[in-house]
Amino acid sequence: MTRPLMQNGIAELERMFESCQADPQILEALESELKFRSVPRATTLLAKVRRAMNGAPILPTASQDALFENTVSVPRQIELPIAITDSDSAAPTKRELEPPLKVSVDDAYKILKVAPNASWDSIEQSRRTVVELTRPDRLEKLNDERRQALRLDALRANAALDALLQERRAR
């Protein structure tokens, strides 16, 4: 089976459809090509082609390109507000949440409660254990004070893992 439209991009196929909606040969060629494509634009165009072949009205859709016009740049690294306290049970104060702090490697091991010679798998597992406590189904049963404390612990655990990752990459 030959695919004469295989070299055409989806934008070209869309333009071809717009200009030749009444031509049954073009519609058949488009349908046979679009059956092999699975990207959203191709499946949308295939539905339009089939509607046109059946004589149904073509419904207007938003241009795919217009969906991605207003993109937002995401910063590469986000500093989280981290505060290290001696007491794990103490609720964080507003002052503790304000300035974003870096976690030292020594503090990272303390936060994650692992030894410096621990394997990377055990470090990740320790972080997962702390973060898992902040699942929404577990947090809904707790009071606001405990909920905030658990969220702060999760932030600390994530920052600790990041500090250890950076330290290991630097080696």
N, C-alpha and C. Protein backbone atom coordinates (compact mmCIF):
# COMPACT_ATOMS: atom_id res chain seq x y z
N MET A 1 0.85 -1.17 0.00
CA MET A 1 0.00 0.00 0.00
C MET A 1 0.89 1.23 0.00
N THR A 2 0.65 2.11 -0.91
CA THR A 2 1.44 3.33 -0.99
C THR A 2 0.76 4.44 -0.20
N ARG A 3 1.58 5.32 0.31
CA ARG A 3 1.08 6.46 1.08
C ARG A 3 1.63 7.72 0.44
N PRO A 4 0.92 8.27 -0.55
CA PRO A 4 1.44 9.44 -1.24
C PRO A 4 1.53 10.69 -0.37
N LEU A 5 0.76 10.75 0.73
CA LEU A 5 0.76 11.94 1.58
C LEU A 5 1.64 11.76 2.82
N MET A 6 2.42 10.69 2.84
CA MET A 6 3.23 10.38 4.00
C MET A 6 4.25 11.49 4.30
N GLN A 7 4.78 12.12 3.30
CA GLN A 7 5.81 13.14 3.50
C GLN A 7 5.24 14.48 3.97
N ASN A 8 3.92 14.64 3.88
CA ASN A 8 3.31 15.91 4.26
C ASN A 8 3.14 16.00 5.77
N GLY A 9 3.39 17.18 6.29
CA GLY A 9 3.18 17.42 7.71
C GLY A 9 1.70 17.60 7.99
N ILE A 10 1.35 17.57 9.25
CA ILE A 10 -0.05 17.69 9.63
C ILE A 10 -0.63 19.04 9.24
N ALA A 11 0.18 20.09 9.28
CA ALA A 11 -0.29 21.42 8.89
C ALA A 11 -0.65 21.43 7.39
N GLU A 12 0.16 20.77 6.59
CA GLU A 12 -0.14 20.69 5.16
C GLU A 12 -1.41 19.89 4.91
N LEU A 13 -1.60 18.82 5.64
CA LEU A 13 -2.81 18.01 5.49
C LEU A 13 -4.04 18.80 5.92
N GLU A 14 -3.91 19.61 6.96
CA GLU A 14 -5.02 20.46 7.39
C GLU A 14 -5.37 21.49 6.32
N ARG A 15 -4.35 22.10 5.73
CA ARG A 15 -4.61 23.07 4.66
C ARG A 15 -5.26 22.39 3.45
N MET A 16 -4.78 21.18 3.13
CA MET A 16 -5.35 20.44 2.01
C MET A 16 -6.83 20.14 2.27
N PHE A 17 -7.16 19.77 3.48
CA PHE A 17 -8.55 19.49 3.83
C PHE A 17 -9.40 20.75 3.71
N GLU A 18 -8.89 21.87 4.23
CA GLU A 18 -9.65 23.13 4.18
C GLU A 18 -9.93 23.55 2.75
N SER A 19 -8.98 23.36 1.86
CA SER A 19 -9.17 23.82 0.48
C SER A 19 -9.93 22.83 -0.39
N CYS A 20 -9.98 21.55 -0.04
CA CYS A 20 -10.59 20.54 -0.90
C CYS A 20 -11.61 19.69 -0.16
N GLN A 21 -12.46 20.27 0.65
CA GLN A 21 -13.41 19.51 1.45
C GLN A 21 -14.44 18.78 0.58
N ALA A 22 -14.72 19.31 -0.60
CA ALA A 22 -15.76 18.72 -1.45
C ALA A 22 -15.22 17.64 -2.38
N ASP A 23 -13.92 17.49 -2.48
CA ASP A 23 -13.32 16.52 -3.41
C ASP A 23 -13.22 15.15 -2.74
N PRO A 24 -14.01 14.14 -3.17
CA PRO A 24 -13.99 12.82 -2.53
C PRO A 24 -12.65 12.11 -2.65
N GLN A 25 -11.91 12.31 -3.74
CA GLN A 25 -10.61 11.65 -3.90
C GLN A 25 -9.60 12.18 -2.87
N ILE A 26 -9.61 13.47 -2.67
CA ILE A 26 -8.70 14.08 -1.68
C ILE A 26 -9.09 13.58 -0.28
N LEU A 27 -10.39 13.54 0.01
CA LEU A 27 -10.84 13.08 1.32
C LEU A 27 -10.42 11.63 1.57
N GLU A 28 -10.53 10.77 0.56
CA GLU A 28 -10.12 9.37 0.71
C GLU A 28 -8.61 9.27 0.94
N ALA A 29 -7.84 10.08 0.20
CA ALA A 29 -6.39 10.07 0.38
C ALA A 29 -6.01 10.55 1.78
N LEU A 30 -6.70 11.60 2.25
CA LEU A 30 -6.44 12.10 3.60
C LEU A 30 -6.80 11.04 4.65
N GLU A 31 -7.94 10.40 4.47
CA GLU A 31 -8.36 9.38 5.43
C GLU A 31 -7.37 8.23 5.49
N SER A 32 -6.94 7.76 4.31
CA SER A 32 -6.01 6.63 4.31
C SER A 32 -4.67 7.01 4.95
N GLU A 33 -4.23 8.26 4.83
CA GLU A 33 -2.98 8.68 5.46
C GLU A 33 -3.16 8.89 6.96
N LEU A 34 -4.26 9.52 7.35
CA LEU A 34 -4.46 9.86 8.76
C LEU A 34 -4.71 8.64 9.64
N LYS A 35 -5.07 7.52 9.05
CA LYS A 35 -5.26 6.29 9.83
C LYS A 35 -3.95 5.85 10.47
N PHE A 36 -2.82 6.23 9.87
CA PHE A 36 -1.51 5.82 10.36
C PHE A 36 -0.93 6.79 11.39
N ARG A 37 -1.62 7.89 11.64
CA ARG A 37 -1.09 8.91 12.56
C ARG A 37 -1.92 8.93 13.83
N SER A 38 -1.24 9.13 14.94
CA SER A 38 -1.95 9.06 16.23
C SER A 38 -1.83 10.33 17.07
N VAL A 39 -1.19 11.37 16.55
CA VAL A 39 -1.10 12.60 17.31
C VAL A 39 -2.48 13.26 17.37
N PRO A 40 -2.76 14.07 18.39
CA PRO A 40 -4.09 14.65 18.53
C PRO A 40 -4.58 15.43 17.31
N ARG A 41 -3.69 16.19 16.70
CA ARG A 41 -4.13 16.96 15.52
C ARG A 41 -4.55 16.03 14.39
N ALA A 42 -3.85 14.92 14.22
CA ALA A 42 -4.19 13.98 13.15
C ALA A 42 -5.51 13.29 13.44
N THR A 43 -5.74 12.90 14.68
CA THR A 43 -7.00 12.23 14.99
C THR A 43 -8.18 13.18 14.86
N THR A 44 -7.98 14.44 15.21
CA THR A 44 -9.03 15.45 15.03
C THR A 44 -9.32 15.65 13.56
N LEU A 45 -8.27 15.75 12.75
CA LEU A 45 -8.45 15.94 11.31
C LEU A 45 -9.12 14.71 10.69
N LEU A 46 -8.76 13.52 11.15
CA LEU A 46 -9.38 12.30 10.64
C LEU A 46 -10.88 12.32 10.91
N ALA A 47 -11.27 12.75 12.10
CA ALA A 47 -12.71 12.85 12.42
C ALA A 47 -13.40 13.85 11.50
N LYS A 48 -12.74 14.97 11.22
CA LYS A 48 -13.32 15.96 10.29
C LYS A 48 -13.46 15.38 8.90
N VAL A 49 -12.43 14.67 8.45
CA VAL A 49 -12.46 14.08 7.11
C VAL A 49 -13.61 13.08 7.01
N ARG A 50 -13.77 12.26 8.01
CA ARG A 50 -14.84 11.26 7.99
C ARG A 50 -16.22 11.92 8.02
N ARG A 51 -16.34 13.00 8.77
CA ARG A 51 -17.62 13.73 8.78
C ARG A 51 -17.90 14.31 7.40
N ALA A 52 -16.87 14.85 6.76
CA ALA A 52 -17.06 15.42 5.42
C ALA A 52 -17.41 14.33 4.41
N MET A 53 -16.82 13.15 4.56
CA MET A 53 -17.11 12.05 3.64
C MET A 53 -18.56 11.56 3.80
N ASN A 54 -19.10 11.67 5.02
CA ASN A 54 -20.47 11.24 5.27
C ASN A 54 -21.48 12.34 5.00
N GLY A 55 -20.99 13.52 4.62
CA GLY A 55 -21.89 14.64 4.31
C GLY A 55 -22.35 15.41 5.53
N ALA A 56 -21.79 15.13 6.70
CA ALA A 56 -22.16 15.85 7.92
C ALA A 56 -21.45 17.20 7.95
N PRO A 57 -22.04 18.17 8.63
CA PRO A 57 -21.38 19.48 8.71
C PRO A 57 -20.08 19.40 9.50
N ILE A 58 -19.11 20.19 9.12
CA ILE A 58 -17.81 20.22 9.79
C ILE A 58 -17.91 21.19 10.95
N LEU A 59 -17.61 20.71 12.13
CA LEU A 59 -17.65 21.55 13.31
C LEU A 59 -16.34 22.31 13.46
N PRO A 60 -16.40 23.62 13.72
CA PRO A 60 -15.15 24.36 13.90
C PRO A 60 -14.49 23.97 15.22
N THR A 61 -13.17 23.88 15.20
CA THR A 61 -12.41 23.59 16.41
C THR A 61 -11.35 24.66 16.59
N ALA A 62 -10.84 24.75 17.79
CA ALA A 62 -9.78 25.72 18.06
C ALA A 62 -8.52 25.30 17.33
N SER A 63 -7.81 26.29 16.86
CA SER A 63 -6.54 25.99 16.20
C SER A 63 -5.58 25.42 17.23
N GLN A 64 -4.91 24.36 16.88
CA GLN A 64 -3.99 23.70 17.81
C GLN A 64 -2.86 24.64 18.20
N ASP A 65 -2.40 25.45 17.24
CA ASP A 65 -1.30 26.36 17.53
C ASP A 65 -1.72 27.42 18.54
N ALA A 66 -2.99 27.83 18.51
CA ALA A 66 -3.47 28.87 19.42
C ALA A 66 -3.45 28.38 20.86
N LEU A 67 -3.50 27.09 21.07
CA LEU A 67 -3.50 26.56 22.43
C LEU A 67 -2.16 26.78 23.12
N PHE A 68 -1.08 26.93 22.35
CA PHE A 68 0.25 27.02 22.94
C PHE A 68 0.90 28.38 22.73
N GLU A 69 0.10 29.39 22.38
CA GLU A 69 0.67 30.71 22.13
C GLU A 69 1.20 31.36 23.41
N ASN A 70 0.46 31.29 24.48
CA ASN A 70 0.84 31.97 25.72
C ASN A 70 1.55 31.01 26.66
N THR A 71 2.75 30.67 26.31
CA THR A 71 3.51 29.76 27.17
C THR A 71 4.19 30.56 28.27
N VAL A 72 4.35 29.93 29.39
CA VAL A 72 4.98 30.56 30.54
C VAL A 72 6.32 29.87 30.76
N SER A 73 7.35 30.68 30.94
CA SER A 73 8.65 30.07 31.20
C SER A 73 8.70 29.64 32.66
N VAL A 74 9.23 28.48 32.90
CA VAL A 74 9.32 27.93 34.24
C VAL A 74 10.76 28.06 34.71
N PRO A 75 10.97 28.60 35.90
CA PRO A 75 12.34 28.71 36.38
C PRO A 75 12.95 27.33 36.58
N ARG A 76 14.24 27.24 36.34
CA ARG A 76 14.91 25.94 36.41
C ARG A 76 14.96 25.40 37.84
N GLN A 77 15.18 26.27 38.80
CA GLN A 77 15.31 25.81 40.17
C GLN A 77 14.47 26.69 41.06
N ILE A 78 13.67 26.07 41.89
CA ILE A 78 12.80 26.81 42.79
C ILE A 78 13.30 26.56 44.21
N GLU A 79 13.53 27.64 44.92
CA GLU A 79 13.96 27.49 46.30
C GLU A 79 12.72 27.42 47.17
N LEU A 80 12.67 26.41 48.03
CA LEU A 80 11.54 26.22 48.91
C LEU A 80 11.84 26.82 50.27
N PRO A 81 10.80 27.30 50.94
CA PRO A 81 11.04 27.83 52.29
C PRO A 81 11.30 26.67 53.25
N ILE A 82 12.53 26.60 53.72
CA ILE A 82 12.93 25.51 54.59
C ILE A 82 13.43 26.08 55.91
N ALA A 83 12.99 25.50 56.97
CA ALA A 83 13.50 25.89 58.28
C ALA A 83 13.85 24.63 59.04
N ILE A 84 14.99 24.62 59.67
CA ILE A 84 15.42 23.44 60.41
C ILE A 84 15.31 23.76 61.89
N THR A 85 14.52 22.95 62.57
CA THR A 85 14.36 23.12 64.01
C THR A 85 14.82 21.85 64.70
N ASP A 86 15.13 21.97 65.98
CA ASP A 86 15.57 20.81 66.74
C ASP A 86 14.41 19.87 67.04
N SER A 87 13.24 20.44 67.22
CA SER A 87 12.07 19.64 67.59
C SER A 87 11.25 19.31 66.35
N ASP A 88 11.05 18.01 66.10
CA ASP A 88 10.26 17.61 64.95
C ASP A 88 8.77 17.86 65.17
N SER A 89 8.34 17.85 66.43
CA SER A 89 6.91 17.99 66.70
C SER A 89 6.47 19.44 66.77
N ALA A 90 7.40 20.40 66.81
CA ALA A 90 7.02 21.80 66.91
C ALA A 90 6.40 22.27 65.61
N ALA A 91 5.30 22.97 65.73
CA ALA A 91 4.64 23.52 64.55
C ALA A 91 5.48 24.68 64.02
N PRO A 92 5.57 24.82 62.71
CA PRO A 92 6.40 25.89 62.16
C PRO A 92 5.77 27.25 62.42
N THR A 93 6.63 28.21 62.74
CA THR A 93 6.14 29.57 62.92
C THR A 93 6.22 30.29 61.59
N LYS A 94 5.54 31.42 61.51
CA LYS A 94 5.53 32.17 60.26
C LYS A 94 6.95 32.59 59.88
N ARG A 95 7.77 32.94 60.88
CA ARG A 95 9.13 33.36 60.61
C ARG A 95 9.94 32.23 59.97
N GLU A 96 9.69 31.00 60.39
CA GLU A 96 10.42 29.86 59.84
C GLU A 96 10.10 29.65 58.36
N LEU A 97 8.91 30.03 57.94
CA LEU A 97 8.51 29.79 56.56
C LEU A 97 8.93 30.91 55.62
N GLU A 98 9.30 32.07 56.14
CA GLU A 98 9.59 33.20 55.28
C GLU A 98 10.85 33.07 54.43
N PRO A 99 12.04 33.03 55.02
CA PRO A 99 13.24 33.03 54.17
C PRO A 99 13.56 31.64 53.64
N PRO A 100 13.78 31.51 52.34
CA PRO A 100 14.18 30.20 51.82
C PRO A 100 15.63 29.92 52.22
N LEU A 101 15.84 28.79 52.84
CA LEU A 101 17.16 28.42 53.32
C LEU A 101 17.67 27.21 52.56
N LYS A 102 18.96 27.12 52.44
CA LYS A 102 19.57 25.94 51.85
C LYS A 102 19.83 24.94 52.97
N VAL A 103 19.68 23.68 52.63
CA VAL A 103 19.92 22.62 53.60
C VAL A 103 21.35 22.12 53.39
N SER A 104 22.11 22.08 54.48
CA SER A 104 23.47 21.55 54.37
C SER A 104 23.41 20.04 54.25
N VAL A 105 24.51 19.46 53.82
CA VAL A 105 24.56 18.01 53.64
C VAL A 105 24.40 17.30 54.98
N ASP A 106 25.04 17.83 56.03
CA ASP A 106 24.92 17.21 57.36
C ASP A 106 23.47 17.26 57.85
N ASP A 107 22.81 18.41 57.65
CA ASP A 107 21.40 18.54 58.04
C ASP A 107 20.52 17.63 57.20
N ALA A 108 20.88 17.44 55.95
CA ALA A 108 20.09 16.59 55.07
C ALA A 108 20.06 15.15 55.59
N TYR A 109 21.21 14.66 56.03
CA TYR A 109 21.25 13.31 56.59
C TYR A 109 20.41 13.22 57.87
N LYS A 110 20.42 14.29 58.68
CA LYS A 110 19.63 14.29 59.90
C LYS A 110 18.13 14.33 59.59
N ILE A 111 17.76 15.16 58.62
CA ILE A 111 16.35 15.28 58.25
C ILE A 111 15.81 13.96 57.74
N LEU A 112 16.59 13.30 56.91
CA LEU A 112 16.14 12.03 56.33
C LEU A 112 16.41 10.83 57.24
N LYS A 113 17.12 11.08 58.34
CA LYS A 113 17.42 10.03 59.32
C LYS A 113 18.12 8.84 58.68
N VAL A 114 19.16 9.16 57.92
CA VAL A 114 19.99 8.12 57.30
C VAL A 114 21.46 8.42 57.60
N ALA A 115 22.27 7.41 57.50
CA ALA A 115 23.71 7.57 57.73
C ALA A 115 24.37 8.11 56.47
N PRO A 116 25.51 8.79 56.60
CA PRO A 116 26.20 9.32 55.42
C PRO A 116 26.64 8.24 54.44
N ASN A 117 26.82 7.03 54.91
CA ASN A 117 27.23 5.96 54.00
C ASN A 117 26.04 5.14 53.48
N ALA A 118 24.81 5.65 53.67
CA ALA A 118 23.60 4.94 53.24
C ALA A 118 23.52 4.89 51.72
N SER A 119 22.89 3.83 51.24
CA SER A 119 22.72 3.71 49.78
C SER A 119 21.69 4.74 49.31
N TRP A 120 21.77 5.03 48.02
CA TRP A 120 20.86 6.02 47.45
C TRP A 120 19.42 5.52 47.55
N ASP A 121 19.20 4.25 47.40
CA ASP A 121 17.84 3.69 47.50
C ASP A 121 17.26 3.92 48.89
N SER A 122 18.07 3.74 49.93
CA SER A 122 17.55 3.95 51.28
C SER A 122 17.28 5.44 51.55
N ILE A 123 18.08 6.31 50.94
CA ILE A 123 17.84 7.75 51.08
C ILE A 123 16.52 8.12 50.42
N GLU A 124 16.31 7.63 49.21
CA GLU A 124 15.05 7.92 48.51
C GLU A 124 13.86 7.33 49.26
N GLN A 125 14.02 6.15 49.80
CA GLN A 125 12.92 5.50 50.53
C GLN A 125 12.58 6.31 51.78
N SER A 126 13.58 6.83 52.45
CA SER A 126 13.34 7.64 53.63
C SER A 126 12.56 8.90 53.27
N ARG A 127 12.93 9.54 52.16
CA ARG A 127 12.20 10.73 51.71
C ARG A 127 10.76 10.36 51.35
N ARG A 128 10.59 9.27 50.64
CA ARG A 128 9.24 8.84 50.24
C ARG A 128 8.35 8.59 51.46
N THR A 129 8.93 8.00 52.48
CA THR A 129 8.17 7.71 53.70
C THR A 129 7.66 9.00 54.33
N VAL A 130 8.50 10.02 54.37
CA VAL A 130 8.10 11.30 54.96
C VAL A 130 7.05 11.99 54.07
N VAL A 131 7.27 12.00 52.78
CA VAL A 131 6.38 12.69 51.87
C VAL A 131 5.03 11.98 51.78
N GLU A 132 5.03 10.68 51.91
CA GLU A 132 3.78 9.92 51.81
C GLU A 132 2.79 10.30 52.90
N LEU A 133 3.28 10.79 54.01
CA LEU A 133 2.40 11.22 55.09
C LEU A 133 1.57 12.44 54.72
N THR A 134 1.95 13.14 53.66
CA THR A 134 1.22 14.34 53.25
C THR A 134 0.21 14.06 52.13
N ARG A 135 -0.09 12.80 51.92
CA ARG A 135 -1.12 12.48 50.93
C ARG A 135 -2.44 13.10 51.37
N PRO A 136 -3.22 13.63 50.44
CA PRO A 136 -4.47 14.31 50.81
C PRO A 136 -5.42 13.45 51.65
N ASP A 137 -5.52 12.16 51.36
CA ASP A 137 -6.42 11.31 52.13
C ASP A 137 -5.97 11.16 53.58
N ARG A 138 -4.68 11.31 53.84
CA ARG A 138 -4.19 11.24 55.21
C ARG A 138 -4.29 12.59 55.90
N LEU A 139 -4.10 13.68 55.16
CA LEU A 139 -4.12 15.02 55.75
C LEU A 139 -5.52 15.46 56.15
N GLU A 140 -6.53 14.98 55.45
CA GLU A 140 -7.89 15.46 55.73
C GLU A 140 -8.36 15.09 57.14
N LYS A 141 -7.77 14.07 57.72
CA LYS A 141 -8.18 13.62 59.06
C LYS A 141 -7.50 14.39 60.17
N LEU A 142 -6.50 15.20 59.83
CA LEU A 142 -5.68 15.87 60.84
C LEU A 142 -6.12 17.31 61.06
N ASN A 143 -5.71 17.87 62.20
CA ASN A 143 -5.99 19.28 62.44
C ASN A 143 -5.00 20.14 61.65
N ASP A 144 -5.28 21.43 61.55
CA ASP A 144 -4.46 22.33 60.73
C ASP A 144 -3.01 22.39 61.19
N GLU A 145 -2.79 22.38 62.49
CA GLU A 145 -1.44 22.48 63.02
C GLU A 145 -0.59 21.28 62.60
N ARG A 146 -1.14 20.09 62.75
CA ARG A 146 -0.41 18.86 62.38
C ARG A 146 -0.22 18.79 60.87
N ARG A 147 -1.23 19.24 60.13
CA ARG A 147 -1.15 19.25 58.67
C ARG A 147 0.01 20.13 58.20
N GLN A 148 0.13 21.32 58.78
CA GLN A 148 1.23 22.22 58.41
C GLN A 148 2.58 21.63 58.78
N ALA A 149 2.64 20.99 59.95
CA ALA A 149 3.90 20.38 60.38
C ALA A 149 4.33 19.28 59.42
N LEU A 150 3.38 18.46 58.96
CA LEU A 150 3.71 17.38 58.03
C LEU A 150 4.14 17.94 56.67
N ARG A 151 3.48 18.99 56.24
CA ARG A 151 3.87 19.61 54.96
C ARG A 151 5.27 20.20 55.05
N LEU A 152 5.59 20.81 56.17
CA LEU A 152 6.93 21.36 56.35
C LEU A 152 7.96 20.24 56.37
N ASP A 153 7.63 19.13 57.02
CA ASP A 153 8.54 17.99 57.02
C ASP A 153 8.78 17.47 55.61
N ALA A 154 7.72 17.45 54.79
CA ALA A 154 7.87 17.00 53.40
C ALA A 154 8.74 17.96 52.61
N LEU A 155 8.58 19.25 52.84
CA LEU A 155 9.43 20.24 52.17
C LEU A 155 10.89 20.05 52.57
N ARG A 156 11.10 19.82 53.85
CA ARG A 156 12.47 19.59 54.34
C ARG A 156 13.07 18.33 53.71
N ALA A 157 12.26 17.28 53.64
CA ALA A 157 12.75 16.02 53.08
C ALA A 157 13.12 16.19 51.60
N ASN A 158 12.30 16.91 50.87
CA ASN A 158 12.60 17.15 49.46
C ASN A 158 13.86 17.99 49.29
N ALA A 159 14.00 19.02 50.13
CA ALA A 159 15.19 19.86 50.07
C ALA A 159 16.43 19.07 50.48
N ALA A 160 16.27 18.18 51.45
CA ALA A 160 17.39 17.35 51.89
C ALA A 160 17.83 16.42 50.77
N LEU A 161 16.87 15.80 50.10
CA LEU A 161 17.20 14.93 48.98
C LEU A 161 17.91 15.71 47.88
N ASP A 162 17.45 16.93 47.62
CA ASP A 162 18.08 17.76 46.61
C ASP A 162 19.52 18.11 47.00
N ALA A 163 19.74 18.42 48.27
CA ALA A 163 21.08 18.74 48.74
C ALA A 163 22.01 17.53 48.59
N LEU A 164 21.50 16.35 48.94
CA LEU A 164 22.32 15.14 48.81
C LEU A 164 22.58 14.80 47.35
N LEU A 165 21.62 15.04 46.51
CA LEU A 165 21.80 14.78 45.08
C LEU A 165 22.87 15.70 44.51
N GLN A 166 22.82 16.98 44.87
CA GLN A 166 23.83 17.92 44.41
C GLN A 166 25.21 17.55 44.94
N GLU A 167 25.26 17.09 46.20
CA GLU A 167 26.53 16.71 46.80
C GLU A 167 27.11 15.50 46.08
N ARG A 168 26.28 14.53 45.75
CA ARG A 168 26.77 13.33 45.07
C ARG A 168 27.16 13.62 43.63
N ARG A 169 26.49 14.56 43.00
CA ARG A 169 26.87 14.92 41.62
C ARG A 169 28.21 15.64 41.61
N ALA A 170 28.51 16.39 42.70
CA ALA A 170 29.75 17.15 42.77
C ALA A 170 30.96 16.25 42.97
N ARG A 171 30.74 15.04 43.43
CA ARG A 171 31.86 14.11 43.67
C ARG A 171 32.51 13.69 42.41
